[in-house]
Structure formats: C-alpha cells, structure tokens
Amino acid sequence: MSENMLRIKEAVEEAASLEHKRSYEKHPAFNSAHEGYAVIAEEVDEAMMEMEYVMKNTSQLWERTKKDADTMPCVNRIREFAKNCAAELIQVIAMCDKYAASKEQWK
C-alpha cells in the first residue's frame, strides 16, 4: 500500500473517530445487536445509493466524452456524490465502532 493511501486511511480513521464520538450526542449506545445492525444497514444503504449515483454519472460522463459534449456537469456531480458516499462510509465505520463499544454493555 502506498504511503499516500496510508495517509488517506489515517484521515478516514480520524474522521470516523470524530463521527463515533459525535453519534453519542444524538443517541446513546445501541441497546441490542438488532438495533446496531439496523443502524449499520441504514448507513450502508445510504452509501450504496450515493455510489449508484457515482456510477450513473460516470456512464453519462463516458457518453458525453464520446460525443465531445460538455463533461464538467458530470464530473461535478461525480465529485459531489463521491464525497457523499465517502461521508456515508465514514458513518458506517463509526457505527461499527459504536456497535463494538455497545456490545460490552449487552453482557
């Protein structure tokens, strides 16, 4: 793994840690595995939706590229949806951490 990718992963871990801490401001620890699953599944669904938008706009980008049409609207949308997807995936990581922390209380 490249040094650059390691830096990105460190930044993702920092963002996930902040999101994990922030999540307790709105909601306490998960009461059960079922609740934890539901929250994680919701975040995964949201990330998948954003990724579908990335893929759709990437296809549109290719079609517009082949036609020598203006591609910047597609690029701008891809960028925005990718950012949204990354944020959702950071929430997935944070909710996995919250699940692990909550699990200690279920015993």
PDB file of N, CA and C in Angstrom:
ATOM      1  N   MET A   1       0.847  -1.175   0.000  1.00  0.00           N
ATOM      2  CA  MET A   1       0.000   0.000   0.000  1.00  0.00           C
ATOM      3  C   MET A   1       0.892   1.237   0.000  1.00  0.00           C
ATOM      4  N   SER A   2       0.514   2.186  -0.830  1.00  0.00           N
ATOM      5  CA  SER A   2       1.341   3.389  -0.966  1.00  0.00           C
ATOM      6  C   SER A   2       1.261   4.246   0.293  1.00  0.00           C
ATOM      7  N   GLU A   3       2.264   5.076   0.458  1.00  0.00           N
ATOM      8  CA  GLU A   3       2.299   5.996   1.595  1.00  0.00           C
ATOM      9  C   GLU A   3       1.106   6.952   1.546  1.00  0.00           C
ATOM     10  N   ASN A   4       0.748   7.385   0.343  1.00  0.00           N
ATOM     11  CA  ASN A   4      -0.393   8.277   0.191  1.00  0.00           C
ATOM     12  C   ASN A   4      -1.688   7.601   0.658  1.00  0.00           C
ATOM     13  N   MET A   5      -1.876   6.329   0.284  1.00  0.00           N
ATOM     14  CA  MET A   5      -3.079   5.609   0.701  1.00  0.00           C
ATOM     15  C   MET A   5      -3.100   5.436   2.219  1.00  0.00           C
ATOM     16  N   LEU A   6      -1.954   5.214   2.811  1.00  0.00           N
ATOM     17  CA  LEU A   6      -1.889   5.101   4.274  1.00  0.00           C
ATOM     18  C   LEU A   6      -2.319   6.403   4.937  1.00  0.00           C
ATOM     19  N   ARG A   7      -1.922   7.526   4.376  1.00  0.00           N
ATOM     20  CA  ARG A   7      -2.322   8.835   4.918  1.00  0.00           C
ATOM     21  C   ARG A   7      -3.832   9.034   4.791  1.00  0.00           C
ATOM     22  N   ILE A   8      -4.369   8.636   3.660  1.00  0.00           N
ATOM     23  CA  ILE A   8      -5.810   8.760   3.457  1.00  0.00           C
ATOM     24  C   ILE A   8      -6.550   7.900   4.479  1.00  0.00           C
ATOM     25  N   LYS A   9      -6.088   6.677   4.676  1.00  0.00           N
ATOM     26  CA  LYS A   9      -6.738   5.787   5.637  1.00  0.00           C
ATOM     27  C   LYS A   9      -6.643   6.340   7.057  1.00  0.00           C
ATOM     28  N   GLU A  10      -5.529   6.976   7.388  1.00  0.00           N
ATOM     29  CA  GLU A  10      -5.408   7.613   8.703  1.00  0.00           C
ATOM     30  C   GLU A  10      -6.425   8.739   8.850  1.00  0.00           C
ATOM     31  N   ALA A  11      -6.591   9.535   7.798  1.00  0.00           N
ATOM     32  CA  ALA A  11      -7.572  10.621   7.829  1.00  0.00           C
ATOM     33  C   ALA A  11      -8.992  10.055   7.961  1.00  0.00           C
ATOM     34  N   VAL A  12      -9.259   8.950   7.296  1.00  0.00           N
ATOM     35  CA  VAL A  12     -10.569   8.303   7.405  1.00  0.00           C
ATOM     36  C   VAL A  12     -10.784   7.827   8.845  1.00  0.00           C
ATOM     37  N   GLU A  13      -9.773   7.228   9.436  1.00  0.00           N
ATOM     38  CA  GLU A  13      -9.884   6.773  10.830  1.00  0.00           C
ATOM     39  C   GLU A  13     -10.163   7.947  11.764  1.00  0.00           C
ATOM     40  N   GLU A  14      -9.491   9.068  11.547  1.00  0.00           N
ATOM     41  CA  GLU A  14      -9.727  10.256  12.375  1.00  0.00           C
ATOM     42  C   GLU A  14     -11.161  10.747  12.213  1.00  0.00           C
ATOM     43  N   ALA A  15     -11.634  10.805  10.969  1.00  0.00           N
ATOM     44  CA  ALA A  15     -13.000  11.256  10.719  1.00  0.00           C
ATOM     45  C   ALA A  15     -14.015  10.293  11.343  1.00  0.00           C
ATOM     46  N   ALA A  16     -13.761   8.998  11.238  1.00  0.00           N
ATOM     47  CA  ALA A  16     -14.662   8.001  11.820  1.00  0.00           C
ATOM     48  C   ALA A  16     -14.675   8.103  13.341  1.00  0.00           C
ATOM     49  N   SER A  17     -13.527   8.363  13.928  1.00  0.00           N
ATOM     50  CA  SER A  17     -13.448   8.526  15.381  1.00  0.00           C
ATOM     51  C   SER A  17     -14.259   9.734  15.837  1.00  0.00           C
ATOM     52  N   LEU A  18     -14.151  10.840  15.104  1.00  0.00           N
ATOM     53  CA  LEU A  18     -14.946  12.028  15.429  1.00  0.00           C
ATOM     54  C   LEU A  18     -16.437  11.748  15.278  1.00  0.00           C
ATOM     55  N   GLU A  19     -16.812  11.049  14.220  1.00  0.00           N
ATOM     56  CA  GLU A  19     -18.215  10.716  13.985  1.00  0.00           C
ATOM     57  C   GLU A  19     -18.734   9.768  15.064  1.00  0.00           C
ATOM     58  N   HIS A  20     -17.903   8.828  15.485  1.00  0.00           N
ATOM     59  CA  HIS A  20     -18.282   7.900  16.551  1.00  0.00           C
ATOM     60  C   HIS A  20     -18.592   8.678  17.830  1.00  0.00           C
ATOM     61  N   LYS A  21     -17.714   9.594  18.192  1.00  0.00           N
ATOM     62  CA  LYS A  21     -17.929  10.420  19.389  1.00  0.00           C
ATOM     63  C   LYS A  21     -19.169  11.293  19.229  1.00  0.00           C
ATOM     64  N   ARG A  22     -19.346  11.897  18.072  1.00  0.00           N
ATOM     65  CA  ARG A  22     -20.486  12.768  17.811  1.00  0.00           C
ATOM     66  C   ARG A  22     -21.804  12.004  17.880  1.00  0.00           C
ATOM     67  N   SER A  23     -21.778  10.751  17.496  1.00  0.00           N
ATOM     68  CA  SER A  23     -23.017   9.962  17.458  1.00  0.00           C
ATOM     69  C   SER A  23     -23.656   9.830  18.835  1.00  0.00           C
ATOM     70  N   TYR A  24     -22.858   9.905  19.881  1.00  0.00           N
ATOM     71  CA  TYR A  24     -23.403   9.793  21.239  1.00  0.00           C
ATOM     72  C   TYR A  24     -24.136  11.064  21.672  1.00  0.00           C
ATOM     73  N   GLU A  25     -23.896  12.163  20.966  1.00  0.00           N
ATOM     74  CA  GLU A  25     -24.617  13.401  21.285  1.00  0.00           C
ATOM     75  C   GLU A  25     -26.094  13.259  20.932  1.00  0.00           C
ATOM     76  N   LYS A  26     -26.399  12.498  19.901  1.00  0.00           N
ATOM     77  CA  LYS A  26     -27.780  12.314  19.447  1.00  0.00           C
ATOM     78  C   LYS A  26     -28.427  11.076  20.045  1.00  0.00           C
ATOM     79  N   HIS A  27     -27.668   9.993  20.107  1.00  0.00           N
ATOM     80  CA  HIS A  27     -28.237   8.706  20.526  1.00  0.00           C
ATOM     81  C   HIS A  27     -27.246   7.978  21.431  1.00  0.00           C
ATOM     82  N   PRO A  28     -27.749   7.341  22.477  1.00  0.00           N
ATOM     83  CA  PRO A  28     -26.850   6.570  23.350  1.00  0.00           C
ATOM     84  C   PRO A  28     -26.353   5.314  22.644  1.00  0.00           C
ATOM     85  N   ALA A  29     -25.640   4.511  23.379  1.00  0.00           N
ATOM     86  CA  ALA A  29     -25.146   3.241  22.845  1.00  0.00           C
ATOM     87  C   ALA A  29     -26.318   2.410  22.321  1.00  0.00           C
ATOM     88  N   PHE A  30     -26.027   1.502  21.413  1.00  0.00           N
ATOM     89  CA  PHE A  30     -27.050   0.611  20.899  1.00  0.00           C
ATOM     90  C   PHE A  30     -27.543  -0.290  22.029  1.00  0.00           C
ATOM     91  N   ASN A  31     -28.843  -0.515  22.073  1.00  0.00           N
ATOM     92  CA  ASN A  31     -29.438  -1.352  23.115  1.00  0.00           C
ATOM     93  C   ASN A  31     -29.309  -2.843  22.829  1.00  0.00           C
ATOM     94  N   SER A  32     -29.081  -3.176  21.560  1.00  0.00           N
ATOM     95  CA  SER A  32     -29.023  -4.593  21.185  1.00  0.00           C
ATOM     96  C   SER A  32     -28.300  -4.742  19.850  1.00  0.00           C
ATOM     97  N   ALA A  33     -27.981  -5.977  19.541  1.00  0.00           N
ATOM     98  CA  ALA A  33     -27.378  -6.283  18.243  1.00  0.00           C
ATOM     99  C   ALA A  33     -28.335  -5.928  17.118  1.00  0.00           C
ATOM    100  N   HIS A  34     -29.624  -6.123  17.344  1.00  0.00           N
ATOM    101  CA  HIS A  34     -30.623  -5.796  16.324  1.00  0.00           C
ATOM    102  C   HIS A  34     -30.617  -4.307  16.001  1.00  0.00           C
ATOM    103  N   GLU A  35     -30.562  -3.481  17.038  1.00  0.00           N
ATOM    104  CA  GLU A  35     -30.527  -2.038  16.811  1.00  0.00           C
ATOM    105  C   GLU A  35     -29.244  -1.639  16.089  1.00  0.00           C
ATOM    106  N   GLY A  36     -28.122  -2.185  16.526  1.00  0.00           N
ATOM    107  CA  GLY A  36     -26.848  -1.892  15.877  1.00  0.00           C
ATOM    108  C   GLY A  36     -26.854  -2.294  14.417  1.00  0.00           C
ATOM    109  N   TYR A  37     -27.390  -3.484  14.143  1.00  0.00           N
ATOM    110  CA  TYR A  37     -27.492  -3.941  12.754  1.00  0.00           C
ATOM    111  C   TYR A  37     -28.322  -2.970  11.928  1.00  0.00           C
ATOM    112  N   ALA A  38     -29.463  -2.562  12.462  1.00  0.00           N
ATOM    113  CA  ALA A  38     -30.361  -1.685  11.715  1.00  0.00           C
ATOM    114  C   ALA A  38     -29.691  -0.368  11.358  1.00  0.00           C
ATOM    115  N   VAL A  39     -28.954   0.199  12.294  1.00  0.00           N
ATOM    116  CA  VAL A  39     -28.275   1.478  12.037  1.00  0.00           C
ATOM    117  C   VAL A  39     -27.163   1.289  11.009  1.00  0.00           C
ATOM    118  N   ILE A  40     -26.370   0.240  11.159  1.00  0.00           N
ATOM    119  CA  ILE A  40     -25.300  -0.026  10.193  1.00  0.00           C
ATOM    120  C   ILE A  40     -25.896  -0.268   8.802  1.00  0.00           C
ATOM    121  N   ALA A  41     -26.953  -1.079   8.729  1.00  0.00           N
ATOM    122  CA  ALA A  41     -27.584  -1.378   7.438  1.00  0.00           C
ATOM    123  C   ALA A  41     -28.110  -0.109   6.773  1.00  0.00           C
ATOM    124  N   GLU A  42     -28.678   0.801   7.566  1.00  0.00           N
ATOM    125  CA  GLU A  42     -29.180   2.059   7.005  1.00  0.00           C
ATOM    126  C   GLU A  42     -28.041   2.878   6.399  1.00  0.00           C
ATOM    127  N   GLU A  43     -26.925   2.956   7.113  1.00  0.00           N
ATOM    128  CA  GLU A  43     -25.781   3.714   6.595  1.00  0.00           C
ATOM    129  C   GLU A  43     -25.209   3.065   5.339  1.00  0.00           C
ATOM    130  N   VAL A  44     -25.158   1.740   5.309  1.00  0.00           N
ATOM    131  CA  VAL A  44     -24.678   1.024   4.120  1.00  0.00           C
ATOM    132  C   VAL A  44     -25.602   1.304   2.938  1.00  0.00           C
ATOM    133  N   ASP A  45     -26.908   1.259   3.170  1.00  0.00           N
ATOM    134  CA  ASP A  45     -27.871   1.556   2.096  1.00  0.00           C
ATOM    135  C   ASP A  45     -27.655   2.963   1.547  1.00  0.00           C
ATOM    136  N   GLU A  46     -27.443   3.924   2.441  1.00  0.00           N
ATOM    137  CA  GLU A  46     -27.223   5.304   2.002  1.00  0.00           C
ATOM    138  C   GLU A  46     -25.937   5.427   1.189  1.00  0.00           C
ATOM    139  N   ALA A  47     -24.885   4.725   1.607  1.00  0.00           N
ATOM    140  CA  ALA A  47     -23.627   4.743   0.857  1.00  0.00           C
ATOM    141  C   ALA A  47     -23.810   4.112  -0.521  1.00  0.00           C
ATOM    142  N   MET A  48     -24.551   3.024  -0.571  1.00  0.00           N
ATOM    143  CA  MET A  48     -24.792   2.356  -1.853  1.00  0.00           C
ATOM    144  C   MET A  48     -25.577   3.252  -2.809  1.00  0.00           C
ATOM    145  N   MET A  49     -26.547   3.986  -2.274  1.00  0.00           N
ATOM    146  CA  MET A  49     -27.319   4.902  -3.112  1.00  0.00           C
ATOM    147  C   MET A  49     -26.398   5.966  -3.720  1.00  0.00           C
ATOM    148  N   GLU A  50     -25.520   6.527  -2.910  1.00  0.00           N
ATOM    149  CA  GLU A  50     -24.581   7.534  -3.422  1.00  0.00           C
ATOM    150  C   GLU A  50     -23.651   6.928  -4.463  1.00  0.00           C
ATOM    151  N   MET A  51     -23.211   5.687  -4.245  1.00  0.00           N
ATOM    152  CA  MET A  51     -22.331   5.030  -5.211  1.00  0.00           C
ATOM    153  C   MET A  51     -23.062   4.760  -6.519  1.00  0.00           C
ATOM    154  N   GLU A  52     -24.347   4.442  -6.434  1.00  0.00           N
ATOM    155  CA  GLU A  52     -25.128   4.261  -7.658  1.00  0.00           C
ATOM    156  C   GLU A  52     -25.161   5.557  -8.466  1.00  0.00           C
ATOM    157  N   TYR A  53     -25.280   6.699  -7.778  1.00  0.00           N
ATOM    158  CA  TYR A  53     -25.247   7.989  -8.468  1.00  0.00           C
ATOM    159  C   TYR A  53     -23.882   8.234  -9.107  1.00  0.00           C
ATOM    160  N   VAL A  54     -22.815   7.839  -8.419  1.00  0.00           N
ATOM    161  CA  VAL A  54     -21.472   7.966  -8.992  1.00  0.00           C
ATOM    162  C   VAL A  54     -21.387   7.153 -10.281  1.00  0.00           C
ATOM    163  N   MET A  55     -21.854   5.925 -10.217  1.00  0.00           N
ATOM    164  CA  MET A  55     -21.772   5.044 -11.386  1.00  0.00           C
ATOM    165  C   MET A  55     -22.621   5.574 -12.543  1.00  0.00           C
ATOM    166  N   LYS A  56     -23.832   6.035 -12.247  1.00  0.00           N
ATOM    167  CA  LYS A  56     -24.717   6.571 -13.283  1.00  0.00           C
ATOM    168  C   LYS A  56     -24.065   7.769 -13.969  1.00  0.00           C
ATOM    169  N   ASN A  57     -23.502   8.658 -13.179  1.00  0.00           N
ATOM    170  CA  ASN A  57     -22.884   9.848 -13.752  1.00  0.00           C
ATOM    171  C   ASN A  57     -21.577   9.529 -14.464  1.00  0.00           C
ATOM    172  N   THR A  58     -20.890   8.479 -14.050  1.00  0.00           N
ATOM    173  CA  THR A  58     -19.687   8.047 -14.758  1.00  0.00           C
ATOM    174  C   THR A  58     -20.064   7.536 -16.136  1.00  0.00           C
ATOM    175  N   SER A  59     -21.178   6.808 -16.225  1.00  0.00           N
ATOM    176  CA  SER A  59     -21.665   6.358 -17.534  1.00  0.00           C
ATOM    177  C   SER A  59     -22.030   7.546 -18.411  1.00  0.00           C
ATOM    178  N   GLN A  60     -22.711   8.529 -17.816  1.00  0.00           N
ATOM    179  CA  GLN A  60     -23.067   9.735 -18.568  1.00  0.00           C
ATOM    180  C   GLN A  60     -21.811  10.481 -19.010  1.00  0.00           C
ATOM    181  N   LEU A  61     -20.799  10.500 -18.143  1.00  0.00           N
ATOM    182  CA  LEU A  61     -19.535  11.149 -18.498  1.00  0.00           C
ATOM    183  C   LEU A  61     -18.930  10.494 -19.736  1.00  0.00           C
ATOM    184  N   TRP A  62     -18.947   9.176 -19.776  1.00  0.00           N
ATOM    185  CA  TRP A  62     -18.376   8.468 -20.920  1.00  0.00           C
ATOM    186  C   TRP A  62     -19.177   8.769 -22.183  1.00  0.00           C
ATOM    187  N   GLU A  63     -20.495   8.747 -22.073  1.00  0.00           N
ATOM    188  CA  GLU A  63     -21.328   9.047 -23.240  1.00  0.00           C
ATOM    189  C   GLU A  63     -21.057  10.463 -23.753  1.00  0.00           C
ATOM    190  N   ARG A  64     -20.949  11.411 -22.848  1.00  0.00           N
ATOM    191  CA  ARG A  64     -20.694  12.796 -23.250  1.00  0.00           C
ATOM    192  C   ARG A  64     -19.271  12.951 -23.794  1.00  0.00           C
ATOM    193  N   THR A  65     -18.329  12.185 -23.240  1.00  0.00           N
ATOM    194  CA  THR A  65     -16.945  12.228 -23.732  1.00  0.00           C
ATOM    195  C   THR A  65     -16.883  11.744 -25.173  1.00  0.00           C
ATOM    196  N   LYS A  66     -17.587  10.656 -25.470  1.00  0.00           N
ATOM    197  CA  LYS A  66     -17.597  10.111 -26.838  1.00  0.00           C
ATOM    198  C   LYS A  66     -18.209  11.094 -27.836  1.00  0.00           C
ATOM    199  N   LYS A  67     -19.106  11.952 -27.364  1.00  0.00           N
ATOM    200  CA  LYS A  67     -19.776  12.917 -28.237  1.00  0.00           C
ATOM    201  C   LYS A  67     -19.085  14.285 -28.235  1.00  0.00           C
ATOM    202  N   ASP A  68     -17.963  14.382 -27.553  1.00  0.00           N
ATOM    203  CA  ASP A  68     -17.264  15.659 -27.387  1.00  0.00           C
ATOM    204  C   ASP A  68     -18.190  16.742 -26.819  1.00  0.00           C
ATOM    205  N   ALA A  69     -19.083  16.335 -25.935  1.00  0.00           N
ATOM    206  CA  ALA A  69     -20.012  17.268 -25.290  1.00  0.00           C
ATOM    207  C   ALA A  69     -19.392  17.776 -23.984  1.00  0.00           C
ATOM    208  N   ASP A  70     -20.046  18.760 -23.384  1.00  0.00           N
ATOM    209  CA  ASP A  70     -19.577  19.317 -22.116  1.00  0.00           C
ATOM    210  C   ASP A  70     -19.648  18.232 -21.033  1.00  0.00           C
ATOM    211  N   THR A  71     -18.506  17.896 -20.471  1.00  0.00           N
ATOM    212  CA  THR A  71     -18.429  16.831 -19.471  1.00  0.00           C
ATOM    213  C   THR A  71     -18.395  17.345 -18.034  1.00  0.00           C
ATOM    214  N   MET A  72     -18.173  18.626 -17.846  1.00  0.00           N
ATOM    215  CA  MET A  72     -17.997  19.149 -16.491  1.00  0.00           C
ATOM    216  C   MET A  72     -19.226  18.967 -15.593  1.00  0.00           C
ATOM    217  N   PRO A  73     -20.447  19.076 -16.097  1.00  0.00           N
ATOM    218  CA  PRO A  73     -21.573  18.797 -15.194  1.00  0.00           C
ATOM    219  C   PRO A  73     -21.509  17.381 -14.615  1.00  0.00           C
ATOM    220  N   CYS A  74     -21.123  16.417 -15.433  1.00  0.00           N
ATOM    221  CA  CYS A  74     -20.996  15.036 -14.950  1.00  0.00           C
ATOM    222  C   CYS A  74     -19.866  14.922 -13.932  1.00  0.00           C
ATOM    223  N   VAL A  75     -18.738  15.525 -14.245  1.00  0.00           N
ATOM    224  CA  VAL A  75     -17.590  15.466 -13.334  1.00  0.00           C
ATOM    225  C   VAL A  75     -17.949  16.098 -11.994  1.00  0.00           C
ATOM    226  N   ASN A  76     -18.643  17.234 -12.036  1.00  0.00           N
ATOM    227  CA  ASN A  76     -19.032  17.906 -10.795  1.00  0.00           C
ATOM    228  C   ASN A  76     -19.993  17.053  -9.976  1.00  0.00           C
ATOM    229  N   ARG A  77     -20.935  16.388 -10.656  1.00  0.00           N
ATOM    230  CA  ARG A  77     -21.870  15.511  -9.941  1.00  0.00           C
ATOM    231  C   ARG A  77     -21.147  14.288  -9.381  1.00  0.00           C
ATOM    232  N   ILE A  78     -20.238  13.703 -10.151  1.00  0.00           N
ATOM    233  CA  ILE A  78     -19.472  12.550  -9.665  1.00  0.00           C
ATOM    234  C   ILE A  78     -18.715  12.935  -8.403  1.00  0.00           C
ATOM    235  N   ARG A  79     -18.083  14.087  -8.447  1.00  0.00           N
ATOM    236  CA  ARG A  79     -17.323  14.546  -7.284  1.00  0.00           C
ATOM    237  C   ARG A  79     -18.220  14.683  -6.061  1.00  0.00           C
ATOM    238  N   GLU A  80     -19.368  15.312  -6.223  1.00  0.00           N
ATOM    239  CA  GLU A  80     -20.276  15.538  -5.096  1.00  0.00           C
ATOM    240  C   GLU A  80     -20.830  14.221  -4.551  1.00  0.00           C
ATOM    241  N   PHE A  81     -21.258  13.323  -5.449  1.00  0.00           N
ATOM    242  CA  PHE A  81     -21.782  12.040  -4.991  1.00  0.00           C
ATOM    243  C   PHE A  81     -20.690  11.181  -4.355  1.00  0.00           C
ATOM    244  N   ALA A  82     -19.460  11.262  -4.863  1.00  0.00           N
ATOM    245  CA  ALA A  82     -18.348  10.518  -4.263  1.00  0.00           C
ATOM    246  C   ALA A  82     -18.060  11.032  -2.858  1.00  0.00           C
ATOM    247  N   LYS A  83     -18.135  12.342  -2.696  1.00  0.00           N
ATOM    248  CA  LYS A  83     -17.930  12.925  -1.364  1.00  0.00           C
ATOM    249  C   LYS A  83     -19.031  12.456  -0.416  1.00  0.00           C
ATOM    250  N   ASN A  84     -20.272  12.457  -0.893  1.00  0.00           N
ATOM    251  CA  ASN A  84     -21.383  11.966  -0.081  1.00  0.00           C
ATOM    252  C   ASN A  84     -21.183  10.494   0.283  1.00  0.00           C
ATOM    253  N   CYS A  85     -20.737   9.706  -0.681  1.00  0.00           N
ATOM    254  CA  CYS A  85     -20.500   8.286  -0.449  1.00  0.00           C
ATOM    255  C   CYS A  85     -19.408   8.086   0.597  1.00  0.00           C
ATOM    256  N   ALA A  86     -18.337   8.840   0.466  1.00  0.00           N
ATOM    257  CA  ALA A  86     -17.243   8.744   1.442  1.00  0.00           C
ATOM    258  C   ALA A  86     -17.740   9.090   2.844  1.00  0.00           C
ATOM    259  N   ALA A  87     -18.558  10.123   2.945  1.00  0.00           N
ATOM    260  CA  ALA A  87     -19.101  10.517   4.252  1.00  0.00           C
ATOM    261  C   ALA A  87     -19.988   9.411   4.822  1.00  0.00           C
ATOM    262  N   GLU A  88     -20.806   8.808   3.968  1.00  0.00           N
ATOM    263  CA  GLU A  88     -21.659   7.712   4.429  1.00  0.00           C
ATOM    264  C   GLU A  88     -20.818   6.518   4.885  1.00  0.00           C
ATOM    265  N   LEU A  89     -19.747   6.230   4.164  1.00  0.00           N
ATOM    266  CA  LEU A  89     -18.888   5.106   4.547  1.00  0.00           C
ATOM    267  C   LEU A  89     -18.144   5.392   5.848  1.00  0.00           C
ATOM    268  N   ILE A  90     -17.804   6.648   6.079  1.00  0.00           N
ATOM    269  CA  ILE A  90     -17.206   7.017   7.369  1.00  0.00           C
ATOM    270  C   ILE A  90     -18.225   6.773   8.479  1.00  0.00           C
ATOM    271  N   GLN A  91     -19.496   7.060   8.203  1.00  0.00           N
ATOM    272  CA  GLN A  91     -20.529   6.765   9.197  1.00  0.00           C
ATOM    273  C   GLN A  91     -20.671   5.263   9.417  1.00  0.00           C
ATOM    274  N   VAL A  92     -20.504   4.469   8.364  1.00  0.00           N
ATOM    275  CA  VAL A  92     -20.538   3.006   8.536  1.00  0.00           C
ATOM    276  C   VAL A  92     -19.430   2.583   9.502  1.00  0.00           C
ATOM    277  N   ILE A  93     -18.224   3.091   9.289  1.00  0.00           N
ATOM    278  CA  ILE A  93     -17.100   2.756  10.173  1.00  0.00           C
ATOM    279  C   ILE A  93     -17.424   3.166  11.604  1.00  0.00           C
ATOM    280  N   ALA A  94     -17.929   4.386  11.774  1.00  0.00           N
ATOM    281  CA  ALA A  94     -18.246   4.893  13.112  1.00  0.00           C
ATOM    282  C   ALA A  94     -19.310   4.037  13.792  1.00  0.00           C
ATOM    283  N   MET A  95     -20.320   3.615  13.024  1.00  0.00           N
ATOM    284  CA  MET A  95     -21.380   2.795  13.621  1.00  0.00           C
ATOM    285  C   MET A  95     -20.885   1.390  13.943  1.00  0.00           C
ATOM    286  N   CYS A  96     -19.926   0.885  13.187  1.00  0.00           N
ATOM    287  CA  CYS A  96     -19.297  -0.393  13.541  1.00  0.00           C
ATOM    288  C   CYS A  96     -18.540  -0.249  14.863  1.00  0.00           C
ATOM    289  N   ASP A  97     -17.852   0.879  15.015  1.00  0.00           N
ATOM    290  CA  ASP A  97     -17.150   1.139  16.285  1.00  0.00           C
ATOM    291  C   ASP A  97     -18.141   1.285  17.439  1.00  0.00           C
ATOM    292  N   LYS A  98     -19.261   1.966  17.181  1.00  0.00           N
ATOM    293  CA  LYS A  98     -20.289   2.127  18.218  1.00  0.00           C
ATOM    294  C   LYS A  98     -20.900   0.774  18.568  1.00  0.00           C
ATOM    295  N   TYR A  99     -21.107  -0.064  17.571  1.00  0.00           N
ATOM    296  CA  TYR A  99     -21.615  -1.417  17.804  1.00  0.00           C
ATOM    297  C   TYR A  99     -20.669  -2.170  18.740  1.00  0.00           C
ATOM    298  N   ALA A 100     -19.368  -2.137  18.412  1.00  0.00           N
ATOM    299  CA  ALA A 100     -18.378  -2.843  19.229  1.00  0.00           C
ATOM    300  C   ALA A 100     -18.352  -2.309  20.659  1.00  0.00           C
ATOM    301  N   ALA A 101     -18.442  -0.980  20.796  1.00  0.00           N
ATOM    302  CA  ALA A 101     -18.449  -0.381  22.135  1.00  0.00           C
ATOM    303  C   ALA A 101     -19.733  -0.730  22.887  1.00  0.00           C
ATOM    304  N   SER A 102     -20.854  -0.750  22.187  1.00  0.00           N
ATOM    305  CA  SER A 102     -22.148  -1.059  22.811  1.00  0.00           C
ATOM    306  C   SER A 102     -22.228  -2.500  23.266  1.00  0.00           C
ATOM    307  N   LYS A 103     -21.590  -3.386  22.517  1.00  0.00           N
ATOM    308  CA  LYS A 103     -21.651  -4.826  22.789  1.00  0.00           C
ATOM    309  C   LYS A 103     -21.196  -5.153  24.206  1.00  0.00           C
ATOM    310  N   GLU A 104     -20.263  -4.371  24.725  1.00  0.00           N
ATOM    311  CA  GLU A 104     -19.772  -4.597  26.081  1.00  0.00           C
ATOM    312  C   GLU A 104     -20.901  -4.458  27.117  1.00  0.00           C
ATOM    313  N   GLN A 105     -21.894  -3.632  26.817  1.00  0.00           N
ATOM    314  CA  GLN A 105     -22.982  -3.391  27.750  1.00  0.00           C
ATOM    315  C   GLN A 105     -24.074  -4.458  27.684  1.00  0.00           C
ATOM    316  N   TRP A 106     -24.066  -5.262  26.633  1.00  0.00           N
ATOM    317  CA  TRP A 106     -25.126  -6.263  26.463  1.00  0.00           C
ATOM    318  C   TRP A 106     -24.894  -7.492  27.311  1.00  0.00           C
ATOM    319  N   LYS A 107     -23.692  -7.648  27.837  1.00  0.00           N
ATOM    320  CA  LYS A 107     -23.361  -8.881  28.585  1.00  0.00           C
ATOM    321  C   LYS A 107     -23.985  -8.881  29.948  1.00  0.00           C
TER     322      LYS A 107
END
